[in-house]
Amino acid sequence: MAKAQTKRARTEVFNPVPHTAEDTARMLVNPAVKEAYDALDDEYSALRAILSARREAGLTQAQIAERMGTTASAVSRLEASLTSEKHSPSFATLRKYAAACGKKLVITFA
């Protein structure tokens, strides 16, 4: 049975559900959803900042990885970690990422 499940898992295709700004606005009417959404603002702001830096530099994850002396999968995990509570990247790693994008890491408290 395990072989059948493994084979099936390999053939499944990721089919994301389309999601628009209107969908988000409709969901945010629910106070519980809005509270959870707002609680993630810091993480998503950080993710937007690093993705924006990479996009402005015109670099791929592989190119960032090469400049950082790591692998593309490590850069992918770094970018994904900013929206999960599983791992927080070190300042040293964020500094290397920023430098790879031609940027400087700056942290502020508002």
C-alpha atoms as a PDB file:
ATOM      1  CA  MET A   1       0.000   0.000   0.000  1.00  0.00           C
ATOM      2  CA  ALA A   2       2.859   2.399   0.760  1.00  0.00           C
ATOM      3  CA  LYS A   3       4.164   1.967  -2.808  1.00  0.00           C
ATOM      4  CA  ALA A   4       0.773   2.889  -4.264  1.00  0.00           C
ATOM      5  CA  GLN A   5       0.611   6.034  -2.107  1.00  0.00           C
ATOM      6  CA  THR A   6       4.147   7.017  -3.084  1.00  0.00           C
ATOM      7  CA  LYS A   7       3.413   6.497  -6.777  1.00  0.00           C
ATOM      8  CA  ARG A   8       0.206   8.530  -6.517  1.00  0.00           C
ATOM      9  CA  ALA A   9       2.027  11.354  -4.693  1.00  0.00           C
ATOM     10  CA  ARG A  10       4.552  11.589  -7.543  1.00  0.00           C
ATOM     11  CA  THR A  11       1.835  11.966 -10.159  1.00  0.00           C
ATOM     12  CA  GLU A  12      -0.255  14.599  -8.339  1.00  0.00           C
ATOM     13  CA  VAL A  13       0.042  18.088  -9.737  1.00  0.00           C
ATOM     14  CA  PHE A  14      -0.063  21.316  -7.770  1.00  0.00           C
ATOM     15  CA  ASN A  15      -3.096  23.283  -8.913  1.00  0.00           C
ATOM     16  CA  PRO A  16      -3.275  26.563  -6.982  1.00  0.00           C
ATOM     17  CA  VAL A  17      -6.664  28.135  -6.446  1.00  0.00           C
ATOM     18  CA  PRO A  18      -6.866  31.565  -8.079  1.00  0.00           C
ATOM     19  CA  HIS A  19      -7.001  34.308  -5.463  1.00  0.00           C
ATOM     20  CA  THR A  20      -7.682  37.988  -6.071  1.00  0.00           C
ATOM     21  CA  ALA A  21      -7.583  41.174  -4.007  1.00  0.00           C
ATOM     22  CA  GLU A  22     -11.375  41.017  -3.964  1.00  0.00           C
ATOM     23  CA  ASP A  23     -11.196  37.533  -2.438  1.00  0.00           C
ATOM     24  CA  THR A  24      -8.922  38.868   0.293  1.00  0.00           C
ATOM     25  CA  ALA A  25     -11.212  41.828   0.995  1.00  0.00           C
ATOM     26  CA  ARG A  26     -14.204  39.489   1.230  1.00  0.00           C
ATOM     27  CA  MET A  27     -12.403  37.200   3.702  1.00  0.00           C
ATOM     28  CA  LEU A  28     -11.150  40.100   5.833  1.00  0.00           C
ATOM     29  CA  VAL A  29     -14.730  41.014   6.729  1.00  0.00           C
ATOM     30  CA  ASN A  30     -14.547  38.090   9.180  1.00  0.00           C
ATOM     31  CA  PRO A  31     -12.977  39.515  12.405  1.00  0.00           C
ATOM     32  CA  ALA A  32     -11.130  36.263  13.182  1.00  0.00           C
ATOM     33  CA  VAL A  33      -9.599  36.144   9.696  1.00  0.00           C
ATOM     34  CA  LYS A  34      -8.650  39.851   9.910  1.00  0.00           C
ATOM     35  CA  GLU A  35      -6.970  39.318  13.292  1.00  0.00           C
ATOM     36  CA  ALA A  36      -4.934  36.364  11.984  1.00  0.00           C
ATOM     37  CA  TYR A  37      -4.078  38.258   8.781  1.00  0.00           C
ATOM     38  CA  ASP A  38      -2.916  41.340  10.704  1.00  0.00           C
ATOM     39  CA  ALA A  39      -0.815  39.179  13.044  1.00  0.00           C
ATOM     40  CA  LEU A  40       1.289  38.098  10.042  1.00  0.00           C
ATOM     41  CA  ASP A  41       2.027  41.640   8.854  1.00  0.00           C
ATOM     42  CA  ASP A  42       5.647  41.723  10.128  1.00  0.00           C
ATOM     43  CA  GLU A  43       6.520  38.419   8.472  1.00  0.00           C
ATOM     44  CA  TYR A  44       4.955  39.358   5.150  1.00  0.00           C
ATOM     45  CA  SER A  45       6.579  42.804   5.237  1.00  0.00           C
ATOM     46  CA  ALA A  46       9.985  41.145   5.684  1.00  0.00           C
ATOM     47  CA  LEU A  47       9.262  38.707   2.864  1.00  0.00           C
ATOM     48  CA  ARG A  48       8.141  41.528   0.552  1.00  0.00           C
ATOM     49  CA  ALA A  49      11.351  43.413   1.383  1.00  0.00           C
ATOM     50  CA  ILE A  50      13.717  40.563   0.511  1.00  0.00           C
ATOM     51  CA  LEU A  51      11.781  39.558  -2.611  1.00  0.00           C
ATOM     52  CA  SER A  52      11.729  43.190  -3.701  1.00  0.00           C
ATOM     53  CA  ALA A  53      15.502  43.456  -3.172  1.00  0.00           C
ATOM     54  CA  ARG A  54      16.074  40.345  -5.286  1.00  0.00           C
ATOM     55  CA  ARG A  55      13.682  41.562  -7.991  1.00  0.00           C
ATOM     56  CA  GLU A  56      15.314  45.043  -8.061  1.00  0.00           C
ATOM     57  CA  ALA A  57      18.713  43.354  -8.418  1.00  0.00           C
ATOM     58  CA  GLY A  58      17.301  41.263 -11.280  1.00  0.00           C
ATOM     59  CA  LEU A  59      18.614  38.047  -9.741  1.00  0.00           C
ATOM     60  CA  THR A  60      17.315  34.502  -9.457  1.00  0.00           C
ATOM     61  CA  GLN A  61      17.497  32.405  -6.312  1.00  0.00           C
ATOM     62  CA  ALA A  62      20.383  30.509  -7.917  1.00  0.00           C
ATOM     63  CA  GLN A  63      22.301  33.725  -8.553  1.00  0.00           C
ATOM     64  CA  ILE A  64      21.698  34.937  -4.993  1.00  0.00           C
ATOM     65  CA  ALA A  65      22.842  31.534  -3.720  1.00  0.00           C
ATOM     66  CA  GLU A  66      26.058  31.715  -5.741  1.00  0.00           C
ATOM     67  CA  ARG A  67      26.820  35.164  -4.348  1.00  0.00           C
ATOM     68  CA  MET A  68      26.075  33.954  -0.812  1.00  0.00           C
ATOM     69  CA  GLY A  69      28.120  30.778  -1.205  1.00  0.00           C
ATOM     70  CA  THR A  70      25.141  28.495  -0.679  1.00  0.00           C
ATOM     71  CA  THR A  71      22.550  26.584  -2.709  1.00  0.00           C
ATOM     72  CA  ALA A  72      19.387  27.756  -4.452  1.00  0.00           C
ATOM     73  CA  SER A  73      17.361  25.441  -2.216  1.00  0.00           C
ATOM     74  CA  ALA A  74      18.846  27.180   0.854  1.00  0.00           C
ATOM     75  CA  VAL A  75      17.790  30.554  -0.548  1.00  0.00           C
ATOM     76  CA  SER A  76      14.327  29.164  -1.248  1.00  0.00           C
ATOM     77  CA  ARG A  77      14.097  27.927   2.359  1.00  0.00           C
ATOM     78  CA  LEU A  78      15.303  31.311   3.612  1.00  0.00           C
ATOM     79  CA  GLU A  79      12.619  33.137   1.661  1.00  0.00           C
ATOM     80  CA  ALA A  80       9.959  30.670   2.793  1.00  0.00           C
ATOM     81  CA  SER A  81      11.101  30.839   6.429  1.00  0.00           C
ATOM     82  CA  LEU A  82       9.998  34.440   6.727  1.00  0.00           C
ATOM     83  CA  THR A  83       6.364  33.358   6.611  1.00  0.00           C
ATOM     84  CA  SER A  84       6.670  30.355   8.888  1.00  0.00           C
ATOM     85  CA  GLU A  85       7.345  29.971  12.561  1.00  0.00           C
ATOM     86  CA  LYS A  86       9.608  26.981  11.949  1.00  0.00           C
ATOM     87  CA  HIS A  87      12.852  28.890  11.526  1.00  0.00           C
ATOM     88  CA  SER A  88      14.052  32.456  11.822  1.00  0.00           C
ATOM     89  CA  PRO A  89      17.103  33.359   9.739  1.00  0.00           C
ATOM     90  CA  SER A  90      20.097  34.842  11.546  1.00  0.00           C
ATOM     91  CA  PHE A  91      21.168  38.445  11.087  1.00  0.00           C
ATOM     92  CA  ALA A  92      24.332  37.138   9.431  1.00  0.00           C
ATOM     93  CA  THR A  93      22.278  35.252   6.835  1.00  0.00           C
ATOM     94  CA  LEU A  94      20.032  38.243   6.168  1.00  0.00           C
ATOM     95  CA  ARG A  95      23.134  40.444   5.883  1.00  0.00           C
ATOM     96  CA  LYS A  96      24.613  38.045   3.273  1.00  0.00           C
ATOM     97  CA  TYR A  97      21.323  38.007   1.364  1.00  0.00           C
ATOM     98  CA  ALA A  98      21.178  41.807   1.358  1.00  0.00           C
ATOM     99  CA  ALA A  99      24.790  42.046   0.187  1.00  0.00           C
ATOM    100  CA  ALA A 100      24.106  39.516  -2.583  1.00  0.00           C
ATOM    101  CA  CYS A 101      21.358  41.885  -3.786  1.00  0.00           C
ATOM    102  CA  GLY A 102      23.670  44.882  -3.580  1.00  0.00           C
ATOM    103  CA  LYS A 103      21.804  46.156  -0.514  1.00  0.00           C
ATOM    104  CA  LYS A 104      22.547  46.747   3.154  1.00  0.00           C
ATOM    105  CA  LEU A 105      20.490  45.160   5.942  1.00  0.00           C
ATOM    106  CA  VAL A 106      18.764  47.861   8.005  1.00  0.00           C
ATOM    107  CA  ILE A 107      16.442  47.038  10.895  1.00  0.00           C
ATOM    108  CA  THR A 108      14.118  49.625  12.377  1.00  0.00           C
ATOM    109  CA  PHE A 109      11.543  49.654  15.128  1.00  0.00           C
ATOM    110  CA  ALA A 110       8.439  51.738  14.506  1.00  0.00           C
END
